């Protein structure tokens, strides 16, 4: 940018501030700063493509009005959050993430130890593809009507396997999360 350009920008700065305050009189300082930044950005974009405006003051006034209208329009659609959105605790808390993965590994290991066709049935129920009962029954070669009772029997077996694995940890004794001697 040449010396002339910085002098023009310095001369336009008070006009921009006055126009921004006139367009957004009740706005907070962030909105005014955003408006001014948007106008400077439009000027830089224009300088790169078309060169400087013939009448910088008139161009600045028109651009402030247009950008203020845009901010008001988007402000009607965008509603700020009262608080920051809660982060997914599984992503932000390494301990929780590790425990969740460990529980999933324990569950899948228990499912693999189920008898008969239970591993395939529970695996289909846990599938990320969200299969319907009809699809699961077809995949397992069984009638859709017998799927419910079979599922119930398999879940009962899984419950007993899981209870046997977590029972030592259920009663807190000598140490937090340590197995209890019997």
Protein backbone atom coordinates (compact mmCIF):
# COMPACT_ATOMS: atom_id res chain seq x y z
CA UNK A 1 0.00 0.00 0.00
CA UNK A 2 1.39 3.41 -0.86
CA UNK A 3 1.59 6.50 1.35
CA UNK A 4 -1.40 7.95 -0.49
CA UNK A 5 -3.48 4.88 0.33
CA UNK A 6 -2.74 5.06 4.06
CA UNK A 7 -3.60 8.77 4.13
CA UNK A 8 -6.94 8.02 2.44
CA UNK A 9 -7.62 5.22 4.94
CA UNK A 10 -6.72 7.47 7.87
CA UNK A 11 -9.07 10.15 6.50
CA UNK A 12 -11.90 7.61 6.08
CA UNK A 13 -11.58 6.09 9.57
CA UNK A 14 -13.61 8.81 11.42
CA UNK A 15 -16.28 8.74 8.70
CA UNK A 16 -16.53 4.96 9.00
CA UNK A 17 -16.87 5.17 12.79
CA UNK A 18 -19.58 7.84 12.54
CA UNK A 19 -21.53 5.97 9.84
CA UNK A 20 -21.30 2.69 11.77
CA UNK A 21 -22.66 4.35 14.92
CA UNK A 22 -25.44 5.94 12.88
CA UNK A 23 -26.42 2.62 11.30
CA UNK A 24 -26.23 0.54 14.49
CA UNK A 25 -26.98 3.03 17.29
CA UNK A 26 -28.08 0.42 19.85
CA UNK A 27 -25.44 -2.14 18.89
CA UNK A 28 -22.77 -3.39 21.23
CA UNK A 29 -19.11 -2.73 20.51
CA UNK A 30 -18.61 -6.15 18.94
CA UNK A 31 -21.28 -5.47 16.31
CA UNK A 32 -19.77 -2.06 15.53
CA UNK A 33 -16.30 -3.58 15.25
CA UNK A 34 -17.66 -6.34 12.99
CA UNK A 35 -19.34 -3.76 10.77
CA UNK A 36 -16.18 -1.68 10.47
CA UNK A 37 -14.08 -4.76 9.77
CA UNK A 38 -16.53 -5.90 7.08
CA UNK A 39 -16.32 -2.48 5.38
CA UNK A 40 -12.50 -2.51 5.41
CA UNK A 41 -12.60 -6.02 3.97
CA UNK A 42 -14.93 -4.88 1.16
CA UNK A 43 -12.50 -2.03 0.42
CA UNK A 44 -9.56 -4.42 0.20
CA UNK A 45 -11.54 -6.73 -2.08
CA UNK A 46 -12.48 -3.79 -4.29
CA UNK A 47 -8.90 -2.52 -4.43
CA UNK A 48 -7.72 -5.95 -5.58
CA UNK A 49 -10.33 -6.22 -8.34
CA UNK A 50 -11.41 -2.75 -9.46
CA UNK A 51 -8.95 -0.37 -7.88
CA UNK A 52 -9.82 2.52 -5.57
CA UNK A 53 -13.30 4.03 -5.76
CA UNK A 54 -13.59 7.37 -7.55
CA UNK A 55 -15.32 8.94 -4.52
CA UNK A 56 -14.04 7.05 -1.44
CA UNK A 57 -16.35 8.85 1.03
CA UNK A 58 -19.50 8.10 -0.99
CA UNK A 59 -18.39 4.50 -1.55
CA UNK A 60 -17.71 4.07 2.18
CA UNK A 61 -21.13 5.46 3.13
CA UNK A 62 -22.94 3.14 0.68
CA UNK A 63 -20.91 0.15 1.85
CA UNK A 64 -21.58 0.86 5.54
CA UNK A 65 -25.33 1.01 4.79
CA UNK A 66 -25.22 -2.25 2.79
CA UNK A 67 -23.13 -4.11 5.38
CA UNK A 68 -25.35 -2.86 8.23
CA UNK A 69 -28.42 -4.16 6.38
CA UNK A 70 -26.68 -7.51 5.93
CA UNK A 71 -25.78 -7.66 9.63
CA UNK A 72 -29.36 -6.87 10.63
CA UNK A 73 -30.73 -9.53 8.26
CA UNK A 74 -28.38 -12.22 9.53
CA UNK A 75 -28.98 -11.06 13.09
CA UNK A 76 -32.66 -11.88 12.70
CA UNK A 77 -31.82 -15.44 11.66
CA UNK A 78 -28.91 -16.08 14.00
CA UNK A 79 -29.65 -16.36 17.69
CA UNK A 80 -26.66 -16.37 20.03
CA UNK A 81 -26.37 -19.18 22.55
CA UNK A 82 -26.96 -18.20 26.15
CA UNK A 83 -23.94 -20.31 27.04
CA UNK A 84 -21.28 -22.11 25.12
CA UNK A 85 -22.61 -25.37 23.71
CA UNK A 86 -21.52 -28.29 25.83
CA UNK A 87 -18.71 -30.22 24.28
CA UNK A 88 -19.18 -33.91 23.73
CA UNK A 89 -17.66 -35.31 26.93
CA UNK A 90 -16.49 -38.43 25.08
CA UNK A 91 -14.27 -36.24 22.90
CA UNK A 92 -13.03 -33.77 25.49
CA UNK A 93 -12.47 -36.03 28.49
CA UNK A 94 -9.75 -38.62 27.82
CA UNK A 95 -10.63 -40.63 30.92
CA UNK A 96 -14.28 -40.90 29.95
CA UNK A 97 -13.31 -41.74 26.37
CA UNK A 98 -11.02 -44.53 27.61
CA UNK A 99 -13.71 -45.92 29.94
CA UNK A 100 -16.31 -45.85 27.17
CA UNK A 101 -14.00 -47.75 24.82
CA UNK A 102 -13.17 -50.25 27.56
CA UNK A 103 -16.88 -50.86 28.24
CA UNK A 104 -17.48 -51.43 24.53
CA UNK A 105 -14.56 -53.89 24.37
CA UNK A 106 -15.90 -55.73 27.44
CA UNK A 107 -19.39 -55.89 25.95
CA UNK A 108 -18.18 -57.21 22.57
CA UNK A 109 -15.95 -59.79 24.28
CA UNK A 110 -18.95 -60.99 26.32
CA UNK A 111 -21.12 -61.12 23.18
CA UNK A 112 -18.52 -63.35 21.49
CA UNK A 113 -18.77 -65.81 24.41
CA UNK A 114 -22.56 -66.21 24.10
CA UNK A 115 -23.87 -69.65 23.08
CA UNK A 116 -25.40 -70.67 19.73
CA UNK A 117 -26.49 -67.96 17.35
CA UNK A 118 -26.64 -65.35 20.13
CA UNK A 119 -23.36 -63.66 19.10
CA UNK A 120 -24.70 -63.08 15.59
CA UNK A 121 -28.12 -61.93 16.89
CA UNK A 122 -26.71 -59.46 19.45
CA UNK A 123 -24.09 -58.36 16.90
CA UNK A 124 -26.89 -57.58 14.44
CA UNK A 125 -28.79 -55.67 17.14
CA UNK A 126 -25.66 -53.64 17.95
CA UNK A 127 -24.90 -53.02 14.28
CA UNK A 128 -24.40 -49.38 13.27
CA UNK A 129 -26.52 -50.14 10.19
CA UNK A 130 -29.67 -50.12 12.39
CA UNK A 131 -31.15 -53.28 10.90
CA UNK A 132 -34.87 -54.00 11.17
CA UNK A 133 -36.17 -57.19 12.80
CA UNK A 134 -37.09 -58.45 9.35
CA UNK A 135 -33.52 -57.90 8.09
CA UNK A 136 -32.01 -59.54 11.18
CA UNK A 137 -34.34 -62.54 10.90
CA UNK A 138 -33.46 -62.94 7.22
CA UNK A 139 -29.74 -62.68 7.95
CA UNK A 140 -29.95 -65.32 10.70
CA UNK A 141 -32.31 -67.60 8.77
CA UNK A 142 -35.03 -67.57 11.40
CA UNK A 143 -38.63 -66.42 11.54
CA UNK A 144 -39.31 -62.85 12.56
CA UNK A 145 -41.75 -64.09 15.24
CA UNK A 146 -39.07 -66.10 17.04
CA UNK A 147 -36.60 -63.22 17.00
CA UNK A 148 -38.09 -61.54 20.10
CA UNK A 149 -37.95 -64.61 22.37
CA UNK A 150 -34.47 -65.50 21.06
CA UNK A 151 -33.30 -61.94 21.69
CA UNK A 152 -34.70 -62.09 25.22
CA UNK A 153 -32.88 -65.39 25.92
CA UNK A 154 -29.61 -64.03 24.50
CA UNK A 155 -29.85 -60.81 26.50
CA UNK A 156 -30.45 -62.88 29.65
CA UNK A 157 -27.26 -64.84 28.95
CA UNK A 158 -25.37 -61.64 28.25
CA UNK A 159 -26.68 -60.11 31.48
CA UNK A 160 -25.38 -63.11 33.48
CA UNK A 161 -21.95 -62.96 31.79
CA UNK A 162 -21.65 -59.21 32.36
CA UNK A 163 -22.82 -59.49 35.99
CA UNK A 164 -20.13 -62.08 36.68
CA UNK A 165 -17.48 -59.76 35.20
CA UNK A 166 -18.54 -56.62 37.05
CA UNK A 167 -19.52 -58.17 40.38
CA UNK A 168 -15.99 -57.96 41.84
CA UNK A 169 -15.96 -54.21 41.08
CA UNK A 170 -19.50 -53.49 42.23
CA UNK A 171 -18.72 -53.43 45.94
CA UNK A 172 -16.15 -50.78 46.80
CA UNK A 173 -13.87 -52.22 49.38
CA UNK A 174 -10.16 -51.95 49.84
CA UNK A 175 -9.54 -49.62 46.93
CA UNK A 176 -11.55 -47.65 44.44
CA UNK A 177 -12.35 -49.90 41.51
CA UNK A 178 -10.24 -52.77 42.86
CA UNK A 179 -11.61 -56.32 43.02
CA UNK A 180 -12.83 -57.36 46.44
CA UNK A 181 -11.13 -60.42 47.96
CA UNK A 182 -13.61 -63.12 48.90
